[in-house]
Each structure stands twice: as C-alpha cells, then as structure tokens.
C-alpha cells in the first residue's frame, strides 16, 4: 500500500493569511484594549511594498467568484504575469521582518490561532 504524503501548510509563508490574521487582531485588540499595534504593522508592511503587491494578487484571486472559464483563465494569466514582476527576495525579506515585528507584539502561537 503506498504511503500518503501529508503536506502541512505554513501560515507564516502565506501573505494572504498573515494579512487576514492582522486584520482580525486589530478587531480583537480594539474590542479588548481600545488600541492595536497591528494597525501600524499593516500600514508599514502592506502599503507600497512588495508584500502589498503580493497581497493584492491574493485579493484578486479571492474576489473573483463565479467567473466563466474564459474569464477565469484571463484573470489567472494576468495574475501570473503580474507575479513575475514581484521581487521574491524583497517579499521574503519583508515577510521575515513582518513576522519578527508580529512576534515583538504578540505571542506567535496565540496570534496564529485567532478565529
């Protein structure tokens, strides 16, 4: 019997998930503390950065529901072409710094478990 390969997803490598978790943390912080370090983190890493460009591509994928096959292919082709223009080294460096900053303000395990 062939063994099944289990693939684990690393949330720390997914820009879309990190962005969503930060948004949820903002809401959680405002409800409990009235202020949130996540707002500054979002502004710093998700405006005019390579990470912001990657996030916009995630948004394009998530916001296009119920497309015809032809339109879906067109959207995907646009996303692929645009993604080639993103500097992967910069994205990885910005992501590293983003995670480092998140760790400075939050317990990472708790942060990743936000519902």
PDB file of N, CA and C in Angstrom:
ATOM      1  N   UNK A   1       0.836  -1.175   0.000  1.00  0.00           N
ATOM      2  CA  UNK A   1       0.000   0.000   0.000  1.00  0.00           C
ATOM      3  C   UNK A   1       0.890   1.251   0.000  1.00  0.00           C
ATOM      4  N   UNK A   2       0.677   2.193  -0.942  1.00  0.00           N
ATOM      5  CA  UNK A   2       1.522   3.380  -0.991  1.00  0.00           C
ATOM      6  C   UNK A   2       1.251   4.280   0.214  1.00  0.00           C
ATOM      7  N   UNK A   3       2.313   4.885   0.734  1.00  0.00           N
ATOM      8  CA  UNK A   3       2.132   5.784   1.878  1.00  0.00           C
ATOM      9  C   UNK A   3       1.621   7.139   1.386  1.00  0.00           C
ATOM     10  N   UNK A   4       0.764   7.725   2.201  1.00  0.00           N
ATOM     11  CA  UNK A   4       0.229   9.042   1.866  1.00  0.00           C
ATOM     12  C   UNK A   4       1.184  10.105   2.372  1.00  0.00           C
ATOM     13  N   UNK A   5       1.427  11.068   1.532  1.00  0.00           N
ATOM     14  CA  UNK A   5       2.301  12.156   1.905  1.00  0.00           C
ATOM     15  C   UNK A   5       1.440  13.270   2.503  1.00  0.00           C
ATOM     16  N   UNK A   6       1.752  13.661   3.708  1.00  0.00           N
ATOM     17  CA  UNK A   6       0.999  14.713   4.369  1.00  0.00           C
ATOM     18  C   UNK A   6       1.711  16.030   4.104  1.00  0.00           C
ATOM     19  N   UNK A   7       0.959  16.945   3.564  1.00  0.00           N
ATOM     20  CA  UNK A   7       1.504  18.264   3.274  1.00  0.00           C
ATOM     21  C   UNK A   7       0.949  19.230   4.312  1.00  0.00           C
ATOM     22  N   UNK A   8       1.842  19.858   5.054  1.00  0.00           N
ATOM     23  CA  UNK A   8       1.425  20.841   6.051  1.00  0.00           C
ATOM     24  C   UNK A   8       1.565  22.227   5.448  1.00  0.00           C
ATOM     25  N   UNK A   9       0.583  23.056   5.738  1.00  0.00           N
ATOM     26  CA  UNK A   9       0.613  24.429   5.259  1.00  0.00           C
ATOM     27  C   UNK A   9       1.244  25.296   6.333  1.00  0.00           C
ATOM     28  N   UNK A  10       2.180  26.122   5.949  1.00  0.00           N
ATOM     29  CA  UNK A  10       2.823  27.019   6.884  1.00  0.00           C
ATOM     30  C   UNK A  10       2.195  28.399   6.753  1.00  0.00           C
ATOM     31  N   UNK A  11       1.418  28.794   7.739  1.00  0.00           N
ATOM     32  CA  UNK A  11       0.735  30.080   7.718  1.00  0.00           C
ATOM     33  C   UNK A  11       1.711  31.241   7.615  1.00  0.00           C
ATOM     34  N   UNK A  12       2.905  31.046   8.147  1.00  0.00           N
ATOM     35  CA  UNK A  12       3.891  32.122   8.138  1.00  0.00           C
ATOM     36  C   UNK A  12       4.419  32.428   6.744  1.00  0.00           C
ATOM     37  N   UNK A  13       4.206  31.551   5.810  1.00  0.00           N
ATOM     38  CA  UNK A  13       4.674  31.781   4.443  1.00  0.00           C
ATOM     39  C   UNK A  13       3.571  32.291   3.528  1.00  0.00           C
ATOM     40  N   UNK A  14       2.370  32.439   4.056  1.00  0.00           N
ATOM     41  CA  UNK A  14       1.236  32.846   3.243  1.00  0.00           C
ATOM     42  C   UNK A  14       0.869  34.290   3.552  1.00  0.00           C
ATOM     43  N   UNK A  15       1.161  35.176   2.625  1.00  0.00           N
ATOM     44  CA  UNK A  15       0.907  36.598   2.796  1.00  0.00           C
ATOM     45  C   UNK A  15      -0.572  36.877   3.040  1.00  0.00           C
ATOM     46  N   UNK A  16      -1.437  36.198   2.311  1.00  0.00           N
ATOM     47  CA  UNK A  16      -2.878  36.412   2.467  1.00  0.00           C
ATOM     48  C   UNK A  16      -3.356  36.073   3.859  1.00  0.00           C
ATOM     49  N   UNK A  17      -2.864  34.969   4.405  1.00  0.00           N
ATOM     50  CA  UNK A  17      -3.272  34.568   5.757  1.00  0.00           C
ATOM     51  C   UNK A  17      -2.704  35.528   6.798  1.00  0.00           C
ATOM     52  N   UNK A  18      -1.449  35.933   6.647  1.00  0.00           N
ATOM     53  CA  UNK A  18      -0.870  36.885   7.585  1.00  0.00           C
ATOM     54  C   UNK A  18      -1.660  38.193   7.600  1.00  0.00           C
ATOM     55  N   UNK A  19      -2.036  38.659   6.429  1.00  0.00           N
ATOM     56  CA  UNK A  19      -2.826  39.886   6.330  1.00  0.00           C
ATOM     57  C   UNK A  19      -4.169  39.716   7.049  1.00  0.00           C
ATOM     58  N   UNK A  20      -4.856  38.611   6.774  1.00  0.00           N
ATOM     59  CA  UNK A  20      -6.144  38.341   7.425  1.00  0.00           C
ATOM     60  C   UNK A  20      -6.002  38.253   8.937  1.00  0.00           C
ATOM     61  N   UNK A  21      -4.957  37.575   9.410  1.00  0.00           N
ATOM     62  CA  UNK A  21      -4.743  37.450  10.854  1.00  0.00           C
ATOM     63  C   UNK A  21      -4.483  38.813  11.493  1.00  0.00           C
ATOM     64  N   UNK A  22      -3.752  39.673  10.797  1.00  0.00           N
ATOM     65  CA  UNK A  22      -3.517  41.019  11.325  1.00  0.00           C
ATOM     66  C   UNK A  22      -4.818  41.823  11.396  1.00  0.00           C
ATOM     67  N   UNK A  23      -5.646  41.699  10.372  1.00  0.00           N
ATOM     68  CA  UNK A  23      -6.940  42.400  10.371  1.00  0.00           C
ATOM     69  C   UNK A  23      -7.784  41.916  11.544  1.00  0.00           C
ATOM     70  N   UNK A  24      -7.819  40.609  11.749  1.00  0.00           N
ATOM     71  CA  UNK A  24      -8.593  40.052  12.866  1.00  0.00           C
ATOM     72  C   UNK A  24      -8.005  40.475  14.200  1.00  0.00           C
ATOM     73  N   UNK A  25      -6.685  40.582  14.261  1.00  0.00           N
ATOM     74  CA  UNK A  25      -6.041  41.014  15.509  1.00  0.00           C
ATOM     75  C   UNK A  25      -6.404  42.458  15.822  1.00  0.00           C
ATOM     76  N   UNK A  26      -6.485  43.293  14.802  1.00  0.00           N
ATOM     77  CA  UNK A  26      -6.901  44.682  15.000  1.00  0.00           C
ATOM     78  C   UNK A  26      -8.268  44.709  15.671  1.00  0.00           C
ATOM     79  N   UNK A  27      -9.201  43.947  15.131  1.00  0.00           N
ATOM     80  CA  UNK A  27     -10.552  43.895  15.692  1.00  0.00           C
ATOM     81  C   UNK A  27     -10.517  43.397  17.131  1.00  0.00           C
ATOM     82  N   UNK A  28      -9.791  42.325  17.361  1.00  0.00           N
ATOM     83  CA  UNK A  28      -9.685  41.750  18.701  1.00  0.00           C
ATOM     84  C   UNK A  28      -9.075  42.757  19.686  1.00  0.00           C
ATOM     85  N   UNK A  29      -8.001  43.421  19.266  1.00  0.00           N
ATOM     86  CA  UNK A  29      -7.345  44.404  20.132  1.00  0.00           C
ATOM     87  C   UNK A  29      -8.272  45.580  20.455  1.00  0.00           C
ATOM     88  N   UNK A  30      -8.981  46.083  19.457  1.00  0.00           N
ATOM     89  CA  UNK A  30      -9.867  47.220  19.698  1.00  0.00           C
ATOM     90  C   UNK A  30     -10.999  46.859  20.652  1.00  0.00           C
ATOM     91  N   UNK A  31     -11.487  45.629  20.547  1.00  0.00           N
ATOM     92  CA  UNK A  31     -12.552  45.195  21.445  1.00  0.00           C
ATOM     93  C   UNK A  31     -12.060  44.990  22.875  1.00  0.00           C
ATOM     94  N   UNK A  32     -10.804  44.585  23.035  1.00  0.00           N
ATOM     95  CA  UNK A  32     -10.292  44.311  24.373  1.00  0.00           C
ATOM     96  C   UNK A  32      -9.473  45.455  24.965  1.00  0.00           C
ATOM     97  N   UNK A  33      -8.669  46.132  24.144  1.00  0.00           N
ATOM     98  CA  UNK A  33      -7.756  47.162  24.660  1.00  0.00           C
ATOM     99  C   UNK A  33      -8.092  48.572  24.193  1.00  0.00           C
ATOM    100  N   UNK A  34      -8.723  48.683  23.051  1.00  0.00           N
ATOM    101  CA  UNK A  34      -9.012  50.001  22.500  1.00  0.00           C
ATOM    102  C   UNK A  34      -7.943  50.515  21.548  1.00  0.00           C
ATOM    103  N   UNK A  35      -6.812  49.840  21.486  1.00  0.00           N
ATOM    104  CA  UNK A  35      -5.730  50.238  20.592  1.00  0.00           C
ATOM    105  C   UNK A  35      -5.063  48.974  20.071  1.00  0.00           C
ATOM    106  N   UNK A  36      -4.393  49.078  18.905  1.00  0.00           N
ATOM    107  CA  UNK A  36      -3.792  47.882  18.340  1.00  0.00           C
ATOM    108  C   UNK A  36      -2.478  48.186  17.626  1.00  0.00           C
ATOM    109  N   UNK A  37      -1.410  47.497  18.016  1.00  0.00           N
ATOM    110  CA  UNK A  37      -0.148  47.629  17.282  1.00  0.00           C
ATOM    111  C   UNK A  37      -0.256  47.100  15.855  1.00  0.00           C
ATOM    112  N   UNK A  38      -1.239  46.257  15.608  1.00  0.00           N
ATOM    113  CA  UNK A  38      -1.423  45.668  14.272  1.00  0.00           C
ATOM    114  C   UNK A  38      -1.710  46.723  13.208  1.00  0.00           C
ATOM    115  N   UNK A  39      -2.320  47.831  13.602  1.00  0.00           N
ATOM    116  CA  UNK A  39      -2.610  48.895  12.632  1.00  0.00           C
ATOM    117  C   UNK A  39      -1.311  49.433  12.045  1.00  0.00           C
ATOM    118  N   UNK A  40      -0.342  49.715  12.912  1.00  0.00           N
ATOM    119  CA  UNK A  40       0.953  50.222  12.436  1.00  0.00           C
ATOM    120  C   UNK A  40       1.676  49.177  11.596  1.00  0.00           C
ATOM    121  N   UNK A  41       1.565  47.923  12.014  1.00  0.00           N
ATOM    122  CA  UNK A  41       2.208  46.835  11.275  1.00  0.00           C
ATOM    123  C   UNK A  41       1.598  46.733   9.873  1.00  0.00           C
ATOM    124  N   UNK A  42       0.279  46.796   9.793  1.00  0.00           N
ATOM    125  CA  UNK A  42      -0.404  46.734   8.488  1.00  0.00           C
ATOM    126  C   UNK A  42       0.022  47.884   7.588  1.00  0.00           C
ATOM    127  N   UNK A  43       0.064  49.093   8.139  1.00  0.00           N
ATOM    128  CA  UNK A  43       0.459  50.256   7.340  1.00  0.00           C
ATOM    129  C   UNK A  43       1.904  50.136   6.859  1.00  0.00           C
ATOM    130  N   UNK A  44       2.764  49.638   7.730  1.00  0.00           N
ATOM    131  CA  UNK A  44       4.190  49.533   7.397  1.00  0.00           C
ATOM    132  C   UNK A  44       4.457  48.486   6.316  1.00  0.00           C
ATOM    133  N   UNK A  45       3.796  47.337   6.405  1.00  0.00           N
ATOM    134  CA  UNK A  45       4.131  46.217   5.514  1.00  0.00           C
ATOM    135  C   UNK A  45       3.170  46.010   4.350  1.00  0.00           C
ATOM    136  N   UNK A  46       2.013  46.663   4.398  1.00  0.00           N
ATOM    137  CA  UNK A  46       1.041  46.417   3.335  1.00  0.00           C
ATOM    138  C   UNK A  46       0.638  47.685   2.596  1.00  0.00           C
ATOM    139  N   UNK A  47       1.556  48.648   2.523  1.00  0.00           N
ATOM    140  CA  UNK A  47       1.335  49.797   1.647  1.00  0.00           C
ATOM    141  C   UNK A  47       2.672  50.157   1.004  1.00  0.00           C
ATOM    142  N   UNK A  48       2.676  50.179  -0.310  1.00  0.00           N
ATOM    143  CA  UNK A  48       3.866  50.494  -1.114  1.00  0.00           C
ATOM    144  C   UNK A  48       5.050  49.565  -0.826  1.00  0.00           C
ATOM    145  N   UNK A  49       4.784  48.279  -0.712  1.00  0.00           N
ATOM    146  CA  UNK A  49       5.845  47.285  -0.514  1.00  0.00           C
ATOM    147  C   UNK A  49       5.612  46.133  -1.487  1.00  0.00           C
ATOM    148  N   UNK A  50       6.603  45.282  -1.607  1.00  0.00           N
ATOM    149  CA  UNK A  50       6.434  44.089  -2.440  1.00  0.00           C
ATOM    150  C   UNK A  50       5.388  43.163  -1.817  1.00  0.00           C
ATOM    151  N   UNK A  51       5.343  43.153  -0.498  1.00  0.00           N
ATOM    152  CA  UNK A  51       4.351  42.346   0.215  1.00  0.00           C
ATOM    153  C   UNK A  51       2.940  42.838  -0.110  1.00  0.00           C
ATOM    154  N   UNK A  52       2.785  44.138  -0.235  1.00  0.00           N
ATOM    155  CA  UNK A  52       1.483  44.717  -0.597  1.00  0.00           C
ATOM    156  C   UNK A  52       1.078  44.289  -2.014  1.00  0.00           C
ATOM    157  N   UNK A  53       2.048  44.241  -2.909  1.00  0.00           N
ATOM    158  CA  UNK A  53       1.752  43.793  -4.282  1.00  0.00           C
ATOM    159  C   UNK A  53       1.277  42.348  -4.276  1.00  0.00           C
ATOM    160  N   UNK A  54       1.972  41.505  -3.487  1.00  0.00           N
ATOM    161  CA  UNK A  54       1.578  40.099  -3.402  1.00  0.00           C
ATOM    162  C   UNK A  54       0.180  39.975  -2.780  1.00  0.00           C
ATOM    163  N   UNK A  55      -0.095  40.788  -1.776  1.00  0.00           N
ATOM    164  CA  UNK A  55      -1.413  40.768  -1.132  1.00  0.00           C
ATOM    165  C   UNK A  55      -2.518  41.132  -2.117  1.00  0.00           C
ATOM    166  N   UNK A  56      -2.257  42.098  -2.980  1.00  0.00           N
ATOM    167  CA  UNK A  56      -3.262  42.485  -3.985  1.00  0.00           C
ATOM    168  C   UNK A  56      -3.566  41.322  -4.931  1.00  0.00           C
ATOM    169  N   UNK A  57      -2.549  40.524  -5.245  1.00  0.00           N
ATOM    170  CA  UNK A  57      -2.779  39.347  -6.094  1.00  0.00           C
ATOM    171  C   UNK A  57      -3.667  38.333  -5.379  1.00  0.00           C
ATOM    172  N   UNK A  58      -3.431  38.120  -4.088  1.00  0.00           N
ATOM    173  CA  UNK A  58      -4.302  37.230  -3.305  1.00  0.00           C
ATOM    174  C   UNK A  58      -5.738  37.744  -3.327  1.00  0.00           C
ATOM    175  N   UNK A  59      -5.880  39.056  -3.180  1.00  0.00           N
ATOM    176  CA  UNK A  59      -7.225  39.637  -3.200  1.00  0.00           C
ATOM    177  C   UNK A  59      -7.912  39.433  -4.548  1.00  0.00           C
ATOM    178  N   UNK A  60      -7.154  39.548  -5.616  1.00  0.00           N
ATOM    179  CA  UNK A  60      -7.727  39.311  -6.942  1.00  0.00           C
ATOM    180  C   UNK A  60      -8.274  37.894  -7.071  1.00  0.00           C
ATOM    181  N   UNK A  61      -7.516  36.954  -6.563  1.00  0.00           N
ATOM    182  CA  UNK A  61      -7.951  35.554  -6.630  1.00  0.00           C
ATOM    183  C   UNK A  61      -9.209  35.348  -5.792  1.00  0.00           C
ATOM    184  N   UNK A  62      -9.205  35.897  -4.586  1.00  0.00           N
ATOM    185  CA  UNK A  62     -10.333  35.694  -3.676  1.00  0.00           C
ATOM    186  C   UNK A  62     -11.591  36.451  -4.068  1.00  0.00           C
ATOM    187  N   UNK A  63     -11.444  37.554  -4.754  1.00  0.00           N
ATOM    188  CA  UNK A  63     -12.613  38.381  -5.064  1.00  0.00           C
ATOM    189  C   UNK A  63     -13.313  37.995  -6.369  1.00  0.00           C
ATOM    190  N   UNK A  64     -12.721  37.127  -7.152  1.00  0.00           N
ATOM    191  CA  UNK A  64     -13.319  36.743  -8.427  1.00  0.00           C
ATOM    192  C   UNK A  64     -14.046  35.411  -8.314  1.00  0.00           C
ATOM    193  N   UNK A  65     -15.301  35.496  -7.936  1.00  0.00           N
ATOM    194  CA  UNK A  65     -16.132  34.302  -7.860  1.00  0.00           C
ATOM    195  C   UNK A  65     -17.055  34.269  -9.076  1.00  0.00           C
ATOM    196  N   UNK A  66     -17.482  33.093  -9.403  1.00  0.00           N
ATOM    197  CA  UNK A  66     -18.484  32.903 -10.466  1.00  0.00           C
ATOM    198  C   UNK A  66     -18.063  33.486 -11.813  1.00  0.00           C
ATOM    199  N   UNK A  67     -16.845  33.234 -12.179  1.00  0.00           N
ATOM    200  CA  UNK A  67     -16.373  33.668 -13.486  1.00  0.00           C
ATOM    201  C   UNK A  67     -16.581  32.544 -14.488  1.00  0.00           C
ATOM    202  N   UNK A  68     -16.759  32.935 -15.722  1.00  0.00           N
ATOM    203  CA  UNK A  68     -16.789  31.919 -16.761  1.00  0.00           C
ATOM    204  C   UNK A  68     -15.382  31.356 -16.885  1.00  0.00           C
ATOM    205  N   UNK A  69     -15.264  30.234 -17.521  1.00  0.00           N
ATOM    206  CA  UNK A  69     -13.950  29.603 -17.667  1.00  0.00           C
ATOM    207  C   UNK A  69     -12.979  30.516 -18.404  1.00  0.00           C
ATOM    208  N   UNK A  70     -13.461  31.182 -19.428  1.00  0.00           N
ATOM    209  CA  UNK A  70     -12.606  32.066 -20.229  1.00  0.00           C
ATOM    210  C   UNK A  70     -12.138  33.253 -19.392  1.00  0.00           C
ATOM    211  N   UNK A  71     -13.044  33.850 -18.634  1.00  0.00           N
ATOM    212  CA  UNK A  71     -12.662  34.989 -17.783  1.00  0.00           C
ATOM    213  C   UNK A  71     -11.705  34.549 -16.686  1.00  0.00           C
ATOM    214  N   UNK A  72     -11.962  33.356 -16.111  1.00  0.00           N
ATOM    215  CA  UNK A  72     -11.091  32.836 -15.055  1.00  0.00           C
ATOM    216  C   UNK A  72      -9.678  32.632 -15.600  1.00  0.00           C
ATOM    217  N   UNK A  73      -9.557  32.093 -16.795  1.00  0.00           N
ATOM    218  CA  UNK A  73      -8.244  31.900 -17.416  1.00  0.00           C
ATOM    219  C   UNK A  73      -7.552  33.240 -17.634  1.00  0.00           C
ATOM    220  N   UNK A  74      -8.319  34.228 -18.056  1.00  0.00           N
ATOM    221  CA  UNK A  74      -7.772  35.560 -18.286  1.00  0.00           C
ATOM    222  C   UNK A  74      -7.267  36.179 -16.978  1.00  0.00           C
ATOM    223  N   UNK A  75      -8.057  36.060 -15.918  1.00  0.00           N
ATOM    224  CA  UNK A  75      -7.660  36.594 -14.612  1.00  0.00           C
ATOM    225  C   UNK A  75      -6.401  35.885 -14.117  1.00  0.00           C
ATOM    226  N   UNK A  76      -6.388  34.562 -14.231  1.00  0.00           N
ATOM    227  CA  UNK A  76      -5.207  33.811 -13.788  1.00  0.00           C
ATOM    228  C   UNK A  76      -3.970  34.180 -14.595  1.00  0.00           C
ATOM    229  N   UNK A  77      -4.123  34.354 -15.887  1.00  0.00           N
ATOM    230  CA  UNK A  77      -2.995  34.747 -16.732  1.00  0.00           C
ATOM    231  C   UNK A  77      -2.460  36.111 -16.305  1.00  0.00           C
ATOM    232  N   UNK A  78      -3.347  37.040 -16.017  1.00  0.00           N
ATOM    233  CA  UNK A  78      -2.944  38.367 -15.545  1.00  0.00           C
ATOM    234  C   UNK A  78      -2.199  38.260 -14.227  1.00  0.00           C
ATOM    235  N   UNK A  79      -2.707  37.429 -13.324  1.00  0.00           N
ATOM    236  CA  UNK A  79      -2.070  37.252 -12.020  1.00  0.00           C
ATOM    237  C   UNK A  79      -0.682  36.639 -12.185  1.00  0.00           C
ATOM    238  N   UNK A  80      -0.556  35.649 -13.037  1.00  0.00           N
ATOM    239  CA  UNK A  80       0.743  35.011 -13.273  1.00  0.00           C
ATOM    240  C   UNK A  80       1.740  36.023 -13.838  1.00  0.00           C
ATOM    241  N   UNK A  81       1.313  36.797 -14.813  1.00  0.00           N
ATOM    242  CA  UNK A  81       2.201  37.796 -15.422  1.00  0.00           C
ATOM    243  C   UNK A  81       2.609  38.851 -14.401  1.00  0.00           C
ATOM    244  N   UNK A  82       1.671  39.308 -13.605  1.00  0.00           N
ATOM    245  CA  UNK A  82       1.968  40.320 -12.590  1.00  0.00           C
ATOM    246  C   UNK A  82       2.890  39.764 -11.515  1.00  0.00           C
ATOM    247  N   UNK A  83       2.679  38.505 -11.139  1.00  0.00           N
ATOM    248  CA  UNK A  83       3.506  37.909 -10.083  1.00  0.00           C
ATOM    249  C   UNK A  83       4.966  37.788 -10.508  1.00  0.00           C
ATOM    250  N   UNK A  84       5.205  37.687 -11.803  1.00  0.00           N
ATOM    251  CA  UNK A  84       6.582  37.607 -12.300  1.00  0.00           C
ATOM    252  C   UNK A  84       7.343  38.913 -12.072  1.00  0.00           C
ATOM    253  N   UNK A  85       6.614  40.012 -11.896  1.00  0.00           N
ATOM    254  CA  UNK A  85       7.239  41.321 -11.701  1.00  0.00           C
ATOM    255  C   UNK A  85       7.557  41.603 -10.230  1.00  0.00           C
ATOM    256  N   UNK A  86       7.092  40.739  -9.344  1.00  0.00           N
ATOM    257  CA  UNK A  86       7.334  40.935  -7.919  1.00  0.00           C
ATOM    258  C   UNK A  86       8.721  40.408  -7.563  1.00  0.00           C
ATOM    259  N   UNK A  87       9.456  41.183  -6.806  1.00  0.00           N
ATOM    260  CA  UNK A  87      10.801  40.802  -6.365  1.00  0.00           C
ATOM    261  C   UNK A  87      10.675  39.826  -5.190  1.00  0.00           C
ATOM    262  N   UNK A  88      10.903  38.547  -5.458  1.00  0.00           N
ATOM    263  CA  UNK A  88      10.711  37.489  -4.466  1.00  0.00           C
ATOM    264  C   UNK A  88      11.648  37.665  -3.264  1.00  0.00           C
ATOM    265  N   UNK A  89      12.872  38.097  -3.512  1.00  0.00           N
ATOM    266  CA  UNK A  89      13.813  38.318  -2.406  1.00  0.00           C
ATOM    267  C   UNK A  89      13.296  39.399  -1.465  1.00  0.00           C
ATOM    268  N   UNK A  90      12.757  40.466  -2.043  1.00  0.00           N
ATOM    269  CA  UNK A  90      12.201  41.538  -1.220  1.00  0.00           C
ATOM    270  C   UNK A  90      10.982  41.044  -0.440  1.00  0.00           C
ATOM    271  N   UNK A  91      10.129  40.269  -1.103  1.00  0.00           N
ATOM    272  CA  UNK A  91       8.942  39.725  -0.429  1.00  0.00           C
ATOM    273  C   UNK A  91       9.369  38.880   0.761  1.00  0.00           C
ATOM    274  N   UNK A  92      10.328  37.997   0.563  1.00  0.00           N
ATOM    275  CA  UNK A  92      10.789  37.130   1.646  1.00  0.00           C
ATOM    276  C   UNK A  92      11.411  37.935   2.785  1.00  0.00           C
ATOM    277  N   UNK A  93      12.181  38.951   2.443  1.00  0.00           N
ATOM    278  CA  UNK A  93      12.787  39.803   3.464  1.00  0.00           C
ATOM    279  C   UNK A  93      11.714  40.582   4.230  1.00  0.00           C
ATOM    280  N   UNK A  94      10.754  41.141   3.519  1.00  0.00           N
ATOM    281  CA  UNK A  94       9.669  41.882   4.162  1.00  0.00           C
ATOM    282  C   UNK A  94       8.826  40.952   5.034  1.00  0.00           C
ATOM    283  N   UNK A  95       8.601  39.739   4.562  1.00  0.00           N
ATOM    284  CA  UNK A  95       7.822  38.766   5.328  1.00  0.00           C
ATOM    285  C   UNK A  95       8.564  38.387   6.608  1.00  0.00           C
ATOM    286  N   UNK A  96       9.877  38.191   6.495  1.00  0.00           N
ATOM    287  CA  UNK A  96      10.699  37.893   7.668  1.00  0.00           C
ATOM    288  C   UNK A  96      10.578  39.020   8.705  1.00  0.00           C
ATOM    289  N   UNK A  97      10.709  40.267   8.239  1.00  0.00           N
ATOM    290  CA  UNK A  97      10.609  41.418   9.137  1.00  0.00           C
ATOM    291  C   UNK A  97       9.201  41.573   9.713  1.00  0.00           C
ATOM    292  N   UNK A  98       8.202  41.265   8.904  1.00  0.00           N
ATOM    293  CA  UNK A  98       6.808  41.318   9.365  1.00  0.00           C
ATOM    294  C   UNK A  98       6.602  40.328  10.515  1.00  0.00           C
ATOM    295  N   UNK A  99       7.041  39.113  10.329  1.00  0.00           N
ATOM    296  CA  UNK A  99       6.873  38.080  11.358  1.00  0.00           C
ATOM    297  C   UNK A  99       7.658  38.460  12.617  1.00  0.00           C
ATOM    298  N   UNK A 100       8.840  39.007  12.430  1.00  0.00           N
ATOM    299  CA  UNK A 100       9.656  39.457  13.561  1.00  0.00           C
ATOM    300  C   UNK A 100       8.902  40.536  14.350  1.00  0.00           C
ATOM    301  N   UNK A 101       8.264  41.448  13.647  1.00  0.00           N
ATOM    302  CA  UNK A 101       7.504  42.515  14.309  1.00  0.00           C
ATOM    303  C   UNK A 101       6.243  41.975  14.985  1.00  0.00           C
ATOM    304  N   UNK A 102       5.588  41.030  14.356  1.00  0.00           N
ATOM    305  CA  UNK A 102       4.417  40.400  14.976  1.00  0.00           C
ATOM    306  C   UNK A 102       4.845  39.739  16.290  1.00  0.00           C
ATOM    307  N   UNK A 103       5.967  39.022  16.261  1.00  0.00           N
ATOM    308  CA  UNK A 103       6.481  38.351  17.462  1.00  0.00           C
ATOM    309  C   UNK A 103       6.802  39.341  18.580  1.00  0.00           C
ATOM    310  N   UNK A 104       7.206  40.550  18.193  1.00  0.00           N
ATOM    311  CA  UNK A 104       7.549  41.576  19.177  1.00  0.00           C
ATOM    312  C   UNK A 104       6.307  42.011  19.980  1.00  0.00           C
ATOM    313  N   UNK A 105       5.141  41.978  19.314  1.00  0.00           N
ATOM    314  CA  UNK A 105       3.912  42.479  19.939  1.00  0.00           C
ATOM    315  C   UNK A 105       2.971  41.390  20.427  1.00  0.00           C
ATOM    316  N   UNK A 106       3.097  40.190  19.882  1.00  0.00           N
ATOM    317  CA  UNK A 106       2.146  39.120  20.191  1.00  0.00           C
ATOM    318  C   UNK A 106       2.872  37.800  20.383  1.00  0.00           C
ATOM    319  N   UNK A 107       2.240  36.916  21.145  1.00  0.00           N
ATOM    320  CA  UNK A 107       2.695  35.541  21.213  1.00  0.00           C
ATOM    321  C   UNK A 107       2.313  34.892  19.885  1.00  0.00           C
ATOM    322  N   UNK A 108       3.283  34.375  19.164  1.00  0.00           N
ATOM    323  CA  UNK A 108       3.040  33.880  17.806  1.00  0.00           C
ATOM    324  C   UNK A 108       2.024  32.742  17.764  1.00  0.00           C
ATOM    325  N   UNK A 109       2.099  31.818  18.712  1.00  0.00           N
ATOM    326  CA  UNK A 109       1.138  30.706  18.724  1.00  0.00           C
ATOM    327  C   UNK A 109      -0.293  31.200  18.911  1.00  0.00           C
ATOM    328  N   UNK A 110      -0.493  32.144  19.817  1.00  0.00           N
ATOM    329  CA  UNK A 110      -1.829  32.711  20.027  1.00  0.00           C
ATOM    330  C   UNK A 110      -2.281  33.487  18.797  1.00  0.00           C
ATOM    331  N   UNK A 111      -1.354  34.234  18.230  1.00  0.00           N
ATOM    332  CA  UNK A 111      -1.668  35.037  17.043  1.00  0.00           C
ATOM    333  C   UNK A 111      -2.162  34.155  15.890  1.00  0.00           C
ATOM    334  N   UNK A 112      -1.495  33.027  15.685  1.00  0.00           N
ATOM    335  CA  UNK A 112      -1.850  32.142  14.578  1.00  0.00           C
ATOM    336  C   UNK A 112      -3.139  31.378  14.824  1.00  0.00           C
ATOM    337  N   UNK A 113      -3.618  31.365  16.053  1.00  0.00           N
ATOM    338  CA  UNK A 113      -4.853  30.632  16.374  1.00  0.00           C
ATOM    339  C   UNK A 113      -6.076  31.533  16.442  1.00  0.00           C
ATOM    340  N   UNK A 114      -5.953  32.788  16.067  1.00  0.00           N
ATOM    341  CA  UNK A 114      -7.095  33.701  16.092  1.00  0.00           C
ATOM    342  C   UNK A 114      -8.193  33.151  15.212  1.00  0.00           C
ATOM    343  N   UNK A 115      -9.407  33.161  15.721  1.00  0.00           N
ATOM    344  CA  UNK A 115     -10.541  32.644  14.955  1.00  0.00           C
ATOM    345  C   UNK A 115     -11.208  33.751  14.197  1.00  0.00           C
TER     346      UNK A 115
END
